[in-house]
Amino acid sequence: MSTRGDVRRRASARSSPSAPKRKRSSRHTSGDEVAAYIHTEEWPAGGTTAATREGWIARLGTRRPYRGRGLATTLLVRTLHARATDGLTSVGLEVGPRNPTAPLTIYLRTNSAVTARLTEYQLTED
């Protein structure tokens, strides 16, 4: 058995194993090239009515030549504001500690907080 440390930030747990009700993507371009992108998904919170919804940041990234310009932070802030306007009650995400781009710093810039630290275990055959 091997262990892998993992840090996850979730405003609330993603509760529905079914397909998300709504998917949205945004991007920042430079000419014809995508420089940064964000993809969000949305579910009814806790499997309840659609009146209470939660979001999930599925993907957020910046292509290497465009890093360090604040593009991911800008996309994230705009997305969080838009989702709040849409009535989402929470937005969550996961961050792996071994990611070389240190994505946790982007989320902390938006006043997000680490709400859970988890360790994942993976059973491997020898």
Protein backbone atom coordinates (compact mmCIF):
# COMPACT_ATOMS: atom_id res chain seq x y z
CA MET A 1 0.00 0.00 0.00
CA SER A 2 1.32 3.43 -0.86
CA THR A 3 0.20 6.78 0.53
CA ARG A 4 -0.04 10.08 -1.22
CA GLY A 5 -0.61 13.30 0.68
CA ASP A 6 -3.30 15.52 -0.76
CA VAL A 7 -4.65 18.94 0.16
CA ARG A 8 -8.20 19.67 -0.84
CA ARG A 9 -10.17 22.83 -0.44
CA ARG A 10 -13.93 22.47 -0.53
CA ALA A 11 -16.46 25.06 0.45
CA SER A 12 -18.85 22.12 0.58
CA ALA A 13 -18.61 18.53 -0.55
CA ARG A 14 -19.64 17.69 -4.07
CA SER A 15 -22.71 15.70 -3.24
CA SER A 16 -24.13 14.29 -6.43
CA PRO A 17 -22.45 11.40 -8.23
CA SER A 18 -24.62 12.12 -11.27
CA ALA A 19 -23.70 14.42 -14.11
CA PRO A 20 -23.63 18.11 -13.23
CA LYS A 21 -26.71 20.15 -14.06
CA ARG A 22 -24.73 22.92 -15.73
CA LYS A 23 -21.21 23.24 -17.11
CA ARG A 24 -19.57 26.54 -17.99
CA SER A 25 -16.22 27.49 -19.40
CA SER A 26 -14.41 30.80 -19.85
CA ARG A 27 -11.06 31.63 -21.34
CA HIS A 28 -8.63 34.48 -21.86
CA THR A 29 -7.07 34.58 -25.29
CA SER A 30 -4.02 36.19 -26.77
CA GLY A 31 -4.62 36.49 -30.49
CA ASP A 32 -5.86 33.08 -31.64
CA GLU A 33 -4.29 31.27 -28.69
CA VAL A 34 -5.94 30.35 -25.39
CA ALA A 35 -3.80 31.81 -22.60
CA ALA A 36 -5.87 30.81 -19.54
CA TYR A 37 -9.07 28.86 -18.94
CA ILE A 38 -11.59 27.90 -16.25
CA HIS A 39 -14.28 25.22 -16.32
CA THR A 40 -17.01 25.03 -13.67
CA GLU A 41 -19.79 22.56 -12.95
CA GLU A 42 -22.95 22.92 -10.90
CA TRP A 43 -25.17 20.51 -8.91
CA PRO A 44 -28.15 20.75 -6.60
CA ALA A 45 -26.59 20.98 -3.11
CA GLY A 46 -26.86 17.84 -1.03
CA GLY A 47 -29.02 16.21 -3.66
CA THR A 48 -31.86 18.56 -2.71
CA THR A 49 -33.92 20.92 -4.80
CA ALA A 50 -32.47 23.04 -7.56
CA ALA A 51 -33.12 26.11 -5.36
CA THR A 52 -29.94 25.31 -3.42
CA ARG A 53 -27.00 24.81 -5.76
CA GLU A 54 -23.27 24.35 -5.34
CA GLY A 55 -20.49 24.80 -7.84
CA TRP A 56 -17.21 23.06 -8.49
CA ILE A 57 -14.07 24.48 -10.09
CA ALA A 58 -13.27 21.52 -12.32
CA ARG A 59 -10.28 23.05 -14.12
CA LEU A 60 -8.31 26.27 -13.92
CA GLY A 61 -5.08 26.83 -15.76
CA THR A 62 -2.72 29.17 -17.53
CA ARG A 63 -0.45 28.13 -20.36
CA ARG A 64 3.22 28.39 -19.46
CA PRO A 65 4.10 31.47 -21.59
CA TYR A 66 1.29 33.47 -19.94
CA ARG A 67 1.88 32.60 -16.28
CA GLY A 68 2.63 35.28 -13.70
CA ARG A 69 0.25 37.82 -15.26
CA GLY A 70 -2.74 37.22 -12.99
CA LEU A 71 -4.89 35.64 -15.70
CA ALA A 72 -6.02 32.63 -13.62
CA THR A 73 -6.81 34.87 -10.64
CA THR A 74 -8.83 37.21 -12.85
CA LEU A 75 -10.80 34.33 -14.38
CA LEU A 76 -11.42 32.83 -10.95
CA VAL A 77 -12.65 36.10 -9.40
CA ARG A 78 -14.96 36.81 -12.36
CA THR A 79 -16.31 33.26 -12.23
CA LEU A 80 -16.94 33.37 -8.47
CA HIS A 81 -18.81 36.67 -8.81
CA ALA A 82 -20.86 35.36 -11.73
CA ARG A 83 -21.76 32.15 -9.89
CA ALA A 84 -22.80 34.14 -6.80
CA THR A 85 -25.00 36.32 -9.00
CA ASP A 86 -26.49 33.11 -10.42
CA GLY A 87 -27.43 32.06 -6.87
CA LEU A 88 -24.85 29.38 -6.10
CA THR A 89 -24.63 28.71 -2.38
CA SER A 90 -21.06 27.35 -2.42
CA VAL A 91 -18.13 26.65 -4.72
CA GLY A 92 -15.51 24.00 -4.04
CA LEU A 93 -12.30 22.67 -5.56
CA GLU A 94 -9.38 20.33 -4.92
CA VAL A 95 -5.68 21.14 -5.01
CA GLY A 96 -2.94 18.52 -5.15
CA PRO A 97 0.13 19.45 -3.06
CA ARG A 98 2.57 18.17 -5.67
CA ASN A 99 1.34 20.50 -8.39
CA PRO A 100 4.51 22.41 -9.42
CA THR A 101 2.57 25.60 -10.20
CA ALA A 102 1.43 26.07 -6.55
CA PRO A 103 -2.25 26.65 -7.39
CA LEU A 104 -3.24 27.03 -3.75
CA THR A 105 -1.79 30.56 -3.78
CA ILE A 106 -4.28 31.57 -6.50
CA TYR A 107 -7.24 30.43 -4.39
CA LEU A 108 -5.92 32.07 -1.23
CA ARG A 109 -5.75 35.39 -3.13
CA THR A 110 -9.54 35.21 -3.51
CA ASN A 111 -10.05 34.85 0.26
CA SER A 112 -10.74 31.14 -0.08
CA ALA A 113 -9.70 28.98 2.84
CA VAL A 114 -8.46 25.43 3.25
CA THR A 115 -11.34 23.59 4.91
CA ALA A 116 -9.96 20.07 4.79
CA ARG A 117 -6.66 18.27 4.40
CA LEU A 118 -6.95 14.69 3.32
CA THR A 119 -4.59 11.82 2.77
CA GLU A 120 -5.41 9.41 -0.01
CA TYR A 121 -4.38 5.78 0.13
CA GLN A 122 -3.95 3.69 -2.95
CA LEU A 123 -3.73 -0.08 -2.91
CA THR A 124 -1.11 -1.29 -5.37
CA GLU A 125 -0.28 -4.82 -6.41
CA ASP A 126 3.35 -5.81 -5.96
